[in-house]
């Protein structure tokens, strides 16, 4: 701990939140009621994104937390707006999602594990709807749901590849109607996306009503509203809709709410959390998952377009180790000095900067320093930023906290626009589905063309006929490459993107295009992080590391 944590009531008082507007969850966490931000003017919004990451990630959350602490260190009033961690990565590859070192959220173990129960509420609401679908088919099927065209999966907040494709209803007549089904991870749940994009409870109800669960024998839509499931789902989600207030280890307030992944969902925290943090501070620091080709694209083309948000500046996190990987070094070799590999891998950084500028926004590079970085390597990154004409600063929040990000914070303040520039979208929502997909693939990824499987072609025709053709596109794509092939590193050129399927997320308000081999239910690695997590003498070990 950089400082002793303060009771959450003191953090709320610091923000001018009356006792009637927050609900404590123990000493260090609370939920905020809507009245906490009434009558307040919004501060400026800063987005933190990144280059294409290594498998371990490039410290985007750590940089976001460090930047907020750096802003506080130079006398500004920042409030963080971040996503909640998913148990899948915590027990899988990545570990915790609360930052790292002296740029961490508090309390890290509680936030990383069950927090205030939001993920569990979303899982329950999603699976309630799934149960009501199968029960309706079993109990007479008055809506005429075709079991072969049920599209609503079940979800669980854990990496479990064995659940990707399943058969339900086995065991005889009383056990239900047998059909093929599947599981997604909770972070990919459409209920998660719906909650994160909803403006308020009324909007949440409207979005839940539109959830598409399948089609009838006559190919008509079947929705959650028709199954009379919306009221019960609202009850399950009533507390999960309230954003969570915590703090960093230096006492900077943080609103943590929602947790969709950016490779298989839209990758942004809730609209409510972002608006809350903007209202409570002069600066709201938020992030969008993975690189600017995934989280940032969806942040602008889906979230900002839906919620009418814009950013005063964008921070692009870059690391020597990721640049070396894009320059051709193996992951096992990234601790070795290699200036030439960095100079080659800078093309990846260049593309992400181009993408940010393509949204009409102001990029700033944060060079997130790791202990293995050498001065020669860091100097190569600095020279690359100078050549690209983009402002940059070192970020050492992990080792030094806010003191290690003063320069980055000062740079953000200097380069942030008081009147945020308008967002330039990649496409217009009114364009056909295939045209929108092709614009993302060619403009953002740098693809030469897009191909569609026969299933994807059928999906596009069906969704257009059902009235979903004018929704934005949420690409489900590997985070390991600008392309849909994780083996294509750096800045690939002259490549095709393959769309293998297109599915609706009518409640969330977008259409999901499935690219390459991307799965919406991750699997565990050979030796998962879970193997190193333990409880000893009442203390949890092995969790809170980004």
Protein backbone atom coordinates (compact mmCIF):
# COMPACT_ATOMS: atom_id res chain seq x y z
CA UNK A 1 0.00 0.00 0.00
CA UNK A 2 1.28 3.45 -0.94
CA UNK A 3 -0.96 4.98 1.72
CA UNK A 4 -3.39 3.69 4.29
CA UNK A 5 -6.76 3.14 2.60
CA UNK A 6 -9.55 5.41 3.71
CA UNK A 7 -13.05 4.18 4.56
CA UNK A 8 -15.26 4.39 1.50
CA UNK A 9 -17.49 6.88 3.29
CA UNK A 10 -14.56 9.33 3.32
CA UNK A 11 -14.00 8.85 -0.42
CA UNK A 12 -17.70 9.55 -1.00
CA UNK A 13 -17.53 12.63 1.22
CA UNK A 14 -14.46 13.85 -0.71
CA UNK A 15 -16.59 13.66 -3.88
CA UNK A 16 -19.48 15.51 -2.27
CA UNK A 17 -21.74 12.45 -2.20
CA UNK A 18 -24.28 12.51 0.63
CA UNK A 19 -24.84 9.43 2.78
CA UNK A 20 -28.27 8.91 1.22
CA UNK A 21 -26.69 8.44 -2.21
CA UNK A 22 -24.35 5.50 -1.55
CA UNK A 23 -24.74 1.96 -0.21
CA UNK A 24 -21.64 0.63 1.66
CA UNK A 25 -20.43 -2.89 0.92
CA UNK A 26 -18.14 -3.29 3.91
CA UNK A 27 -15.48 -0.70 4.75
CA UNK A 28 -13.88 -0.24 1.32
CA UNK A 29 -16.59 -0.56 -1.35
CA UNK A 30 -19.95 1.04 -2.06
CA UNK A 31 -22.63 1.31 -4.69
CA UNK A 32 -23.77 4.72 -5.88
CA UNK A 33 -27.40 5.72 -6.34
CA UNK A 34 -28.39 7.93 -9.31
CA UNK A 35 -28.82 10.98 -7.05
CA UNK A 36 -25.05 11.04 -6.45
CA UNK A 37 -24.47 12.97 -9.68
CA UNK A 38 -27.61 15.02 -10.13
CA UNK A 39 -26.99 18.64 -11.14
CA UNK A 40 -23.27 18.21 -11.85
CA UNK A 41 -21.41 19.32 -14.95
CA UNK A 42 -19.28 16.64 -16.67
CA UNK A 43 -15.50 16.76 -16.66
CA UNK A 44 -13.25 15.82 -19.57
CA UNK A 45 -12.96 12.20 -20.73
CA UNK A 46 -9.58 10.55 -21.43
CA UNK A 47 -9.45 7.14 -23.11
CA UNK A 48 -6.56 4.73 -22.48
CA UNK A 49 -5.97 2.16 -25.24
CA UNK A 50 -2.88 0.27 -26.39
CA UNK A 51 -0.90 -1.34 -29.16
CA UNK A 52 -1.44 -5.03 -30.00
CA UNK A 53 -0.45 -6.74 -26.73
CA UNK A 54 1.70 -9.67 -25.72
CA UNK A 55 -0.21 -12.57 -24.10
CA UNK A 56 0.42 -10.99 -20.67
CA UNK A 57 -1.00 -7.58 -21.63
CA UNK A 58 0.81 -4.26 -21.67
CA UNK A 59 -0.41 -2.75 -18.41
CA UNK A 60 -3.28 -0.68 -19.73
CA UNK A 61 -5.18 -0.86 -16.43
CA UNK A 62 -1.99 -0.11 -14.50
CA UNK A 63 -1.33 2.88 -16.76
CA UNK A 64 -4.92 4.13 -16.33
CA UNK A 65 -4.63 3.94 -12.55
CA UNK A 66 -1.14 5.45 -12.60
CA UNK A 67 -2.33 8.31 -14.83
CA UNK A 68 -5.19 9.10 -12.46
CA UNK A 69 -2.76 9.12 -9.53
CA UNK A 70 -0.39 11.31 -11.53
CA UNK A 71 -3.18 13.80 -12.22
CA UNK A 72 -3.94 13.91 -8.50
CA UNK A 73 -0.23 14.43 -7.78
CA UNK A 74 -0.15 17.57 -9.95
CA UNK A 75 -3.26 19.00 -8.26
CA UNK A 76 -6.01 17.87 -10.64
CA UNK A 77 -9.29 16.15 -9.67
CA UNK A 78 -9.44 12.78 -11.47
CA UNK A 79 -11.92 9.91 -11.14
CA UNK A 80 -11.31 6.53 -12.76
CA UNK A 81 -13.97 4.61 -14.70
CA UNK A 82 -12.87 0.99 -15.18
CA UNK A 83 -14.30 -2.45 -15.88
CA UNK A 84 -14.80 -5.19 -13.31
CA UNK A 85 -12.47 -8.20 -13.61
CA UNK A 86 -13.82 -11.54 -14.84
CA UNK A 87 -13.01 -14.73 -12.95
CA UNK A 88 -12.11 -16.42 -16.25
CA UNK A 89 -8.80 -14.58 -16.85
CA UNK A 90 -8.09 -14.40 -13.11
CA UNK A 91 -7.97 -18.20 -12.91
CA UNK A 92 -6.76 -18.62 -16.50
CA UNK A 93 -3.79 -16.75 -18.00
CA UNK A 94 -3.82 -13.11 -17.02
CA UNK A 95 -4.33 -13.12 -13.27
CA UNK A 96 -5.97 -10.14 -11.57
CA UNK A 97 -7.44 -7.08 -13.27
CA UNK A 98 -6.95 -4.35 -10.67
CA UNK A 99 -3.66 -2.90 -11.89
CA UNK A 100 -0.30 -3.71 -10.39
CA UNK A 101 2.41 -2.53 -8.00
CA UNK A 102 1.85 1.04 -6.80
CA UNK A 103 -0.84 1.60 -9.44
CA UNK A 104 -3.54 -0.68 -8.08
CA UNK A 105 -7.15 -0.53 -6.99
CA UNK A 106 -8.11 -1.24 -3.39
CA UNK A 107 -9.23 -3.74 -2.13
CA UNK A 108 -7.67 -5.84 -4.93
CA UNK A 109 -8.65 -9.35 -3.82
CA UNK A 110 -12.30 -8.46 -3.22
CA UNK A 111 -12.57 -6.60 -6.54
CA UNK A 112 -10.92 -9.45 -8.43
CA UNK A 113 -13.09 -12.17 -6.92
CA UNK A 114 -16.79 -11.57 -6.19
CA UNK A 115 -16.75 -7.78 -5.68
CA UNK A 116 -20.34 -6.58 -5.10
CA UNK A 117 -21.92 -9.50 -6.97
CA UNK A 118 -22.57 -7.79 -10.32
CA UNK A 119 -21.18 -10.64 -12.44
CA UNK A 120 -23.25 -13.15 -10.51
CA UNK A 121 -26.41 -11.09 -10.99
CA UNK A 122 -25.75 -10.84 -14.73
CA UNK A 123 -25.06 -14.59 -14.94
CA UNK A 124 -28.30 -15.32 -13.08
CA UNK A 125 -30.41 -12.98 -15.21
CA UNK A 126 -28.96 -14.40 -18.41
CA UNK A 127 -29.51 -18.02 -17.34
CA UNK A 128 -33.02 -17.28 -16.08
CA UNK A 129 -33.94 -16.29 -19.61
CA UNK A 130 -32.30 -19.45 -20.97
CA UNK A 131 -34.30 -21.57 -18.52
CA UNK A 132 -37.53 -19.83 -19.49
CA UNK A 133 -36.87 -20.53 -23.17
CA UNK A 134 -36.49 -24.26 -22.60
CA UNK A 135 -39.39 -24.32 -20.15
CA UNK A 136 -41.65 -22.63 -22.69
CA UNK A 137 -40.79 -25.23 -25.31
CA UNK A 138 -41.44 -28.01 -22.76
CA UNK A 139 -44.73 -26.58 -21.49
CA UNK A 140 -46.64 -26.52 -24.78
CA UNK A 141 -44.62 -23.99 -26.84
CA UNK A 142 -47.50 -21.61 -27.57
CA UNK A 143 -45.08 -19.19 -29.26
CA UNK A 144 -44.00 -21.91 -31.69
CA UNK A 145 -40.27 -21.63 -30.89
CA UNK A 146 -38.21 -23.79 -33.21
CA UNK A 147 -35.71 -25.65 -30.96
CA UNK A 148 -33.27 -25.71 -33.88
CA UNK A 149 -33.29 -21.92 -34.04
CA UNK A 150 -32.83 -21.06 -30.37
CA UNK A 151 -29.86 -18.67 -30.30
CA UNK A 152 -29.76 -17.75 -26.60
CA UNK A 153 -26.83 -19.56 -24.88
CA UNK A 154 -26.15 -20.05 -21.21
CA UNK A 155 -23.21 -18.35 -19.48
CA UNK A 156 -20.74 -18.93 -16.67
CA UNK A 157 -17.96 -16.65 -15.40
CA UNK A 158 -15.17 -19.14 -15.93
CA UNK A 159 -13.00 -20.40 -18.80
CA UNK A 160 -14.48 -23.82 -19.63
CA UNK A 161 -13.97 -25.07 -23.18
CA UNK A 162 -15.97 -28.26 -22.46
CA UNK A 163 -19.15 -26.15 -22.32
CA UNK A 164 -18.72 -24.47 -25.71
CA UNK A 165 -21.10 -26.92 -27.41
CA UNK A 166 -23.55 -29.02 -25.41
CA UNK A 167 -26.86 -30.90 -25.69
CA UNK A 168 -29.62 -30.05 -23.21
CA UNK A 169 -32.89 -31.81 -22.42
CA UNK A 170 -31.57 -35.38 -22.26
CA UNK A 171 -33.08 -37.96 -19.95
CA UNK A 172 -36.65 -38.43 -21.13
CA UNK A 173 -39.89 -36.49 -21.57
CA UNK A 174 -39.92 -34.79 -18.17
CA UNK A 175 -36.36 -33.51 -18.57
CA UNK A 176 -37.11 -31.16 -21.46
CA UNK A 177 -36.81 -31.09 -25.23
CA UNK A 178 -33.36 -32.23 -26.45
CA UNK A 179 -31.53 -29.66 -28.56
CA UNK A 180 -28.04 -28.40 -29.25
CA UNK A 181 -26.96 -25.47 -27.08
CA UNK A 182 -23.83 -23.68 -25.85
CA UNK A 183 -22.19 -21.64 -23.13
CA UNK A 184 -20.43 -18.27 -23.39
CA UNK A 185 -18.32 -16.69 -20.67
CA UNK A 186 -20.31 -14.09 -18.68
CA UNK A 187 -18.15 -11.25 -20.03
CA UNK A 188 -19.53 -12.12 -23.50
CA UNK A 189 -23.14 -12.24 -22.26
CA UNK A 190 -25.53 -9.99 -24.11
CA UNK A 191 -27.01 -9.09 -20.72
CA UNK A 192 -23.56 -7.78 -19.74
CA UNK A 193 -23.39 -5.64 -22.89
CA UNK A 194 -26.99 -4.52 -22.42
CA UNK A 195 -26.35 -3.38 -18.86
CA UNK A 196 -23.15 -1.60 -19.89
CA UNK A 197 -24.85 0.37 -22.68
CA UNK A 198 -28.08 1.19 -20.82
CA UNK A 199 -28.51 4.83 -19.78
CA UNK A 200 -30.85 4.10 -16.84
CA UNK A 201 -33.34 1.55 -15.53
CA UNK A 202 -35.99 2.51 -18.07
CA UNK A 203 -33.51 2.06 -20.91
CA UNK A 204 -32.38 -1.26 -19.42
CA UNK A 205 -35.97 -2.52 -19.43
CA UNK A 206 -36.43 -1.50 -23.05
CA UNK A 207 -33.17 -3.19 -24.08
CA UNK A 208 -33.94 -6.40 -22.17
CA UNK A 209 -37.34 -6.53 -23.87
CA UNK A 210 -35.59 -6.63 -27.24
CA UNK A 211 -33.30 -9.55 -26.41
CA UNK A 212 -33.61 -12.08 -29.22
CA UNK A 213 -33.71 -15.68 -28.00
CA UNK A 214 -34.52 -17.44 -31.29
CA UNK A 215 -37.06 -17.82 -34.06
CA UNK A 216 -40.39 -19.57 -34.54
CA UNK A 217 -41.07 -22.32 -37.06
CA UNK A 218 -42.31 -19.50 -39.30
CA UNK A 219 -38.97 -17.62 -38.90
CA UNK A 220 -40.47 -14.82 -36.78
CA UNK A 221 -38.46 -13.30 -33.92
CA UNK A 222 -38.93 -14.48 -30.33
CA UNK A 223 -37.88 -12.00 -27.63
CA UNK A 224 -37.49 -11.91 -23.86
CA UNK A 225 -40.55 -9.69 -23.71
CA UNK A 226 -42.70 -12.36 -25.37
CA UNK A 227 -41.49 -14.88 -22.78
CA UNK A 228 -42.48 -12.48 -19.97
CA UNK A 229 -38.97 -12.71 -18.56
CA UNK A 230 -38.08 -9.01 -18.40
CA UNK A 231 -39.60 -8.18 -15.01
CA UNK A 232 -37.74 -10.98 -13.24
CA UNK A 233 -34.51 -10.06 -15.00
CA UNK A 234 -34.91 -6.45 -13.87
CA UNK A 235 -35.27 -7.64 -10.28
CA UNK A 236 -32.06 -9.66 -10.54
CA UNK A 237 -30.21 -6.69 -12.07
CA UNK A 238 -31.54 -3.86 -9.89
CA UNK A 239 -28.43 -3.65 -7.68
CA UNK A 240 -26.01 -4.60 -10.47
CA UNK A 241 -27.13 -1.45 -12.33
CA UNK A 242 -25.66 0.73 -9.58
CA UNK A 243 -21.99 1.59 -10.24
CA UNK A 244 -19.37 0.63 -7.67
CA UNK A 245 -17.14 3.12 -5.87
CA UNK A 246 -13.66 2.10 -4.67
CA UNK A 247 -10.24 3.82 -4.55
CA UNK A 248 -6.68 3.40 -5.74
CA UNK A 249 -3.95 2.70 -3.20
CA UNK A 250 -3.21 6.44 -3.28
CA UNK A 251 -6.83 7.32 -2.50
CA UNK A 252 -7.98 8.39 -5.98
CA UNK A 253 -11.69 7.57 -6.43
CA UNK A 254 -12.55 4.84 -8.94
CA UNK A 255 -15.94 3.89 -10.37
CA UNK A 256 -15.69 0.22 -11.40
CA UNK A 257 -18.69 -1.24 -13.23
CA UNK A 258 -19.38 -3.79 -15.96
CA UNK A 259 -16.86 -6.12 -17.55
CA UNK A 260 -17.27 -7.06 -21.22
CA UNK A 261 -14.17 -8.34 -23.05
CA UNK A 262 -13.02 -6.37 -26.10
CA UNK A 263 -12.11 -9.38 -28.23
CA UNK A 264 -15.54 -11.04 -27.95
CA UNK A 265 -17.73 -8.16 -26.75
CA UNK A 266 -17.53 -4.34 -26.86
CA UNK A 267 -14.89 -4.06 -24.13
CA UNK A 268 -15.95 -0.91 -22.28
CA UNK A 269 -17.19 -0.22 -18.77
CA UNK A 270 -20.79 0.92 -18.37
CA UNK A 271 -22.14 4.17 -19.76
CA UNK A 272 -23.51 4.84 -16.27
CA UNK A 273 -20.03 4.46 -14.72
CA UNK A 274 -18.43 6.73 -17.31
CA UNK A 275 -21.07 9.43 -16.83
CA UNK A 276 -20.78 9.07 -13.06
CA UNK A 277 -16.98 9.47 -13.08
CA UNK A 278 -17.23 12.45 -15.45
CA UNK A 279 -19.74 14.12 -13.13
CA UNK A 280 -17.69 13.48 -9.99
CA UNK A 281 -14.32 14.71 -11.29
CA UNK A 282 -12.70 17.22 -13.61
CA UNK A 283 -11.02 14.32 -15.44
CA UNK A 284 -12.46 10.88 -16.11
CA UNK A 285 -9.85 8.26 -17.03
CA UNK A 286 -11.35 5.22 -18.72
CA UNK A 287 -10.04 2.34 -20.81
CA UNK A 288 -11.19 0.10 -23.63
CA UNK A 289 -9.85 -3.43 -23.82
CA UNK A 290 -6.82 -4.60 -25.80
CA UNK A 291 -5.54 -2.53 -28.76
CA UNK A 292 -7.08 0.42 -30.59
CA UNK A 293 -8.29 -2.03 -33.27
CA UNK A 294 -10.63 -3.68 -30.75
CA UNK A 295 -11.61 -1.73 -27.63
CA UNK A 296 -11.08 1.76 -29.00
CA UNK A 297 -12.93 1.03 -32.25
CA UNK A 298 -15.93 -0.27 -30.32
CA UNK A 299 -15.64 2.54 -27.79
CA UNK A 300 -16.07 5.12 -30.55
CA UNK A 301 -18.30 3.31 -33.06
CA UNK A 302 -20.64 1.74 -30.48
CA UNK A 303 -20.39 3.34 -27.02
CA UNK A 304 -19.69 6.97 -27.95
CA UNK A 305 -22.12 6.85 -30.87
CA UNK A 306 -24.83 5.38 -28.62
CA UNK A 307 -24.24 7.56 -25.54
CA UNK A 308 -23.10 10.77 -27.30
CA UNK A 309 -19.68 10.82 -25.66
CA UNK A 310 -16.38 12.22 -26.93
CA UNK A 311 -12.82 12.30 -25.63
CA UNK A 312 -10.48 15.19 -24.93
CA UNK A 313 -7.41 12.98 -25.56
CA UNK A 314 -6.40 9.36 -26.06
CA UNK A 315 -3.45 7.63 -24.39
CA UNK A 316 -1.91 4.75 -26.37
CA UNK A 317 0.07 2.40 -24.12
CA UNK A 318 3.22 0.97 -25.71
CA UNK A 319 5.91 -1.26 -24.23
CA UNK A 320 9.37 -2.29 -25.33
CA UNK A 321 8.48 -5.94 -24.88
CA UNK A 322 5.42 -5.77 -27.16
CA UNK A 323 7.36 -3.87 -29.81
CA UNK A 324 10.11 -6.50 -29.66
CA UNK A 325 7.48 -9.22 -30.12
CA UNK A 326 6.13 -7.43 -33.18
CA UNK A 327 9.72 -7.11 -34.37
CA UNK A 328 10.00 -10.90 -34.46
CA UNK A 329 11.28 -11.93 -31.02
CA UNK A 330 9.70 -14.89 -29.24
CA UNK A 331 7.72 -14.26 -26.07
CA UNK A 332 10.37 -16.15 -24.09
CA UNK A 333 13.03 -13.71 -25.40
CA UNK A 334 11.34 -10.40 -24.57
CA UNK A 335 13.58 -9.72 -21.57
CA UNK A 336 16.63 -9.63 -23.86
CA UNK A 337 17.75 -6.28 -25.27
CA UNK A 338 16.98 -5.91 -28.97
CA UNK A 339 16.84 -2.37 -30.35
CA UNK A 340 16.51 -3.60 -33.93
CA UNK A 341 13.41 -5.60 -33.06
CA UNK A 342 11.85 -2.52 -31.46
CA UNK A 343 12.60 -0.42 -34.54
CA UNK A 344 10.91 -3.06 -36.69
CA UNK A 345 7.93 -3.50 -34.36
CA UNK A 346 7.17 0.22 -34.29
CA UNK A 347 4.97 -0.30 -37.36
CA UNK A 348 2.35 -1.77 -35.04
CA UNK A 349 2.39 1.37 -32.88
CA UNK A 350 2.17 3.48 -36.03
CA UNK A 351 -1.05 1.74 -37.12
CA UNK A 352 -2.73 2.21 -33.75
CA UNK A 353 -1.81 5.91 -33.77
CA UNK A 354 -3.30 6.18 -37.25
CA UNK A 355 -6.49 4.53 -36.01
CA UNK A 356 -6.85 6.99 -33.12
CA UNK A 357 -6.33 9.92 -35.49
CA UNK A 358 -8.87 8.31 -37.83
CA UNK A 359 -11.48 8.80 -35.11
CA UNK A 360 -10.60 12.51 -35.14
CA UNK A 361 -8.92 12.23 -31.72
CA UNK A 362 -5.63 13.33 -30.12
CA UNK A 363 -3.20 10.46 -29.40
CA UNK A 364 -0.53 10.56 -26.70
CA UNK A 365 1.87 7.64 -26.24
CA UNK A 366 2.53 6.31 -22.74
CA UNK A 367 5.74 4.27 -22.73
CA UNK A 368 4.97 1.82 -19.92
CA UNK A 369 8.37 0.99 -18.48
CA UNK A 370 9.24 -2.55 -17.36
CA UNK A 371 12.27 -3.51 -15.22
CA UNK A 372 13.91 -5.34 -18.16
CA UNK A 373 13.80 -2.27 -20.46
CA UNK A 374 17.18 -0.78 -21.27
CA UNK A 375 17.90 2.89 -21.95
CA UNK A 376 18.85 2.07 -25.53
CA UNK A 377 15.48 0.38 -26.07
CA UNK A 378 13.54 3.20 -24.45
CA UNK A 379 15.43 5.72 -26.54
CA UNK A 380 14.42 3.82 -29.67
CA UNK A 381 10.76 4.15 -28.68
CA UNK A 382 11.18 7.86 -27.97
CA UNK A 383 12.78 8.44 -31.37
CA UNK A 384 9.96 6.50 -33.04
CA UNK A 385 7.36 8.72 -31.36
CA UNK A 386 9.24 11.82 -32.46
CA UNK A 387 9.34 10.52 -36.03
CA UNK A 388 5.60 9.81 -35.89
CA UNK A 389 4.94 13.31 -34.58
CA UNK A 390 3.04 12.16 -31.49
CA UNK A 391 3.60 13.48 -27.94
CA UNK A 392 4.88 10.89 -25.48
CA UNK A 393 5.91 10.40 -21.87
CA UNK A 394 7.33 7.67 -19.69
CA UNK A 395 4.89 5.85 -17.42
CA UNK A 396 6.33 4.31 -14.26
CA UNK A 397 3.17 3.95 -12.22
CA UNK A 398 3.86 0.31 -11.35
CA UNK A 399 7.05 1.10 -9.44
CA UNK A 400 6.47 4.71 -8.40
CA UNK A 401 2.70 5.29 -8.32
CA UNK A 402 1.52 8.83 -9.07
CA UNK A 403 5.06 10.19 -8.80
CA UNK A 404 6.01 7.96 -11.72
CA UNK A 405 3.29 9.36 -13.98
CA UNK A 406 3.56 13.09 -13.29
CA UNK A 407 5.09 13.72 -16.73
CA UNK A 408 2.34 11.71 -18.44
CA UNK A 409 -0.36 13.51 -16.46
CA UNK A 410 1.13 16.91 -17.30
CA UNK A 411 1.29 15.95 -20.97
CA UNK A 412 -2.36 14.87 -20.94
CA UNK A 413 -3.44 18.17 -19.39
CA UNK A 414 -1.38 20.12 -21.94
CA UNK A 415 -2.70 18.26 -24.96
CA UNK A 416 -6.31 17.59 -23.96
CA UNK A 417 -8.89 19.68 -25.74
CA UNK A 418 -11.22 21.73 -23.53
CA UNK A 419 -13.88 21.25 -26.16
CA UNK A 420 -13.60 17.60 -27.19
CA UNK A 421 -13.26 17.10 -30.95
CA UNK A 422 -16.20 15.37 -32.66
CA UNK A 423 -15.82 11.63 -33.15
CA UNK A 424 -15.32 10.52 -36.74
CA UNK A 425 -16.98 7.12 -37.07
CA UNK A 426 -15.58 4.26 -39.10
CA UNK A 427 -19.00 3.75 -40.70
CA UNK A 428 -22.58 4.94 -40.53
CA UNK A 429 -25.01 2.68 -38.72
CA UNK A 430 -27.43 2.93 -41.65
CA UNK A 431 -24.99 1.21 -44.01
CA UNK A 432 -25.50 -2.51 -44.85
CA UNK A 433 -23.96 -5.07 -42.49
CA UNK A 434 -21.32 -6.22 -44.95
CA UNK A 435 -20.30 -2.68 -45.83
CA UNK A 436 -19.78 -1.86 -42.13
CA UNK A 437 -17.73 -5.01 -41.57
CA UNK A 438 -15.60 -4.26 -44.62
CA UNK A 439 -14.92 -0.69 -43.48
CA UNK A 440 -13.71 -1.87 -40.07
CA UNK A 441 -11.54 -4.59 -41.63
CA UNK A 442 -9.93 -2.33 -44.24
CA UNK A 443 -9.71 0.97 -42.33
CA UNK A 444 -8.92 -0.26 -38.82
CA UNK A 445 -7.18 -3.60 -39.39
CA UNK A 446 -5.57 -2.80 -42.73
CA UNK A 447 -7.08 -5.83 -44.50
CA UNK A 448 -7.17 -5.99 -48.28
CA UNK A 449 -10.53 -7.80 -48.40
CA UNK A 450 -13.18 -9.68 -46.44
CA UNK A 451 -14.50 -13.14 -47.20
CA UNK A 452 -17.65 -14.72 -45.78
CA UNK A 453 -18.41 -18.36 -45.14
CA UNK A 454 -21.74 -19.67 -46.44
CA UNK A 455 -23.04 -19.56 -42.85
CA UNK A 456 -22.03 -15.91 -42.50
CA UNK A 457 -23.74 -15.04 -45.80
CA UNK A 458 -26.91 -16.70 -44.54
CA UNK A 459 -26.63 -14.90 -41.21
CA UNK A 460 -26.32 -11.50 -42.91
CA UNK A 461 -29.42 -12.12 -45.03
CA UNK A 462 -31.41 -13.36 -42.03
CA UNK A 463 -30.44 -10.46 -39.75
CA UNK A 464 -31.20 -7.92 -42.45
CA UNK A 465 -34.62 -9.50 -43.00
CA UNK A 466 -35.31 -9.48 -39.25
CA UNK A 467 -34.61 -5.73 -39.09
CA UNK A 468 -31.14 -5.72 -37.53
CA UNK A 469 -29.28 -4.39 -40.57
CA UNK A 470 -28.86 -0.85 -39.19
CA UNK A 471 -27.20 -1.80 -35.91
CA UNK A 472 -23.47 -1.13 -35.31
CA UNK A 473 -20.96 -3.98 -35.62
CA UNK A 474 -19.13 -5.61 -32.71
CA UNK A 475 -16.22 -7.59 -34.12
CA UNK A 476 -15.19 -10.76 -32.25
CA UNK A 477 -11.53 -11.03 -33.24
CA UNK A 478 -8.21 -12.16 -31.82
CA UNK A 479 -6.46 -9.54 -29.69
CA UNK A 480 -3.05 -10.89 -30.73
CA UNK A 481 -2.98 -9.41 -34.22
CA UNK A 482 -4.39 -6.57 -36.28
CA UNK A 483 -5.66 -9.36 -38.53
CA UNK A 484 -7.93 -12.30 -37.61
CA UNK A 485 -4.89 -14.60 -37.46
CA UNK A 486 -3.01 -14.41 -34.12
CA UNK A 487 0.20 -15.47 -35.88
CA UNK A 488 0.29 -12.34 -38.06
CA UNK A 489 2.27 -9.94 -35.85
CA UNK A 490 3.37 -6.32 -36.27
CA UNK A 491 1.46 -4.52 -39.06
CA UNK A 492 0.42 -7.19 -41.56
CA UNK A 493 -0.47 -6.20 -45.11
CA UNK A 494 -2.31 -7.79 -48.03
CA UNK A 495 -4.39 -10.13 -45.88
CA UNK A 496 -7.98 -11.31 -45.94
CA UNK A 497 -10.34 -11.30 -42.97
CA UNK A 498 -12.75 -14.23 -42.77
CA UNK A 499 -16.20 -13.81 -41.24
CA UNK A 500 -17.48 -17.20 -40.17
CA UNK A 501 -20.75 -16.05 -38.61
CA UNK A 502 -22.83 -13.01 -37.71
CA UNK A 503 -25.15 -13.07 -34.69
CA UNK A 504 -27.52 -10.45 -33.26
CA UNK A 505 -27.24 -8.74 -29.88
CA UNK A 506 -30.54 -6.91 -30.20
CA UNK A 507 -30.80 -5.86 -26.58
CA UNK A 508 -27.29 -4.48 -26.46
CA UNK A 509 -27.99 -2.83 -29.78
CA UNK A 510 -25.32 -4.28 -32.04
CA UNK A 511 -24.53 -7.20 -34.34
CA UNK A 512 -21.56 -9.48 -33.54
CA UNK A 513 -19.33 -10.58 -36.43
CA UNK A 514 -17.30 -13.69 -35.58
CA UNK A 515 -13.86 -13.53 -37.23
CA UNK A 516 -11.38 -16.34 -37.73
CA UNK A 517 -11.33 -18.88 -34.91
CA UNK A 518 -12.39 -16.49 -32.13
CA UNK A 519 -14.40 -18.23 -29.39
CA UNK A 520 -16.83 -16.60 -26.97
CA UNK A 521 -15.91 -19.17 -24.32
CA UNK A 522 -12.14 -19.19 -23.60
CA UNK A 523 -10.30 -22.28 -22.42
CA UNK A 524 -7.75 -22.69 -19.65
CA UNK A 525 -4.02 -22.96 -20.46
CA UNK A 526 -2.01 -26.07 -19.64
CA UNK A 527 -1.02 -24.59 -16.28
CA UNK A 528 -3.71 -22.06 -15.31
CA UNK A 529 -3.18 -19.27 -12.82
CA UNK A 530 -5.66 -21.14 -10.62
CA UNK A 531 -2.87 -23.64 -9.85
CA UNK A 532 -0.97 -20.88 -8.02
CA UNK A 533 -3.87 -19.31 -6.08
CA UNK A 534 -4.33 -20.31 -2.46
CA UNK A 535 -5.72 -19.36 0.94
CA UNK A 536 -3.17 -19.47 3.76
CA UNK A 537 -3.85 -18.29 7.29
CA UNK A 538 -6.90 -16.44 6.01
CA UNK A 539 -4.94 -14.52 3.35
CA UNK A 540 -5.49 -14.97 -0.40
CA UNK A 541 -2.33 -15.28 -2.49
CA UNK A 542 -1.75 -15.35 -6.24
CA UNK A 543 -4.68 -13.16 -7.38
CA UNK A 544 -4.02 -9.44 -7.43
CA UNK A 545 -1.35 -9.17 -10.12
CA UNK A 546 -1.98 -7.69 -13.58
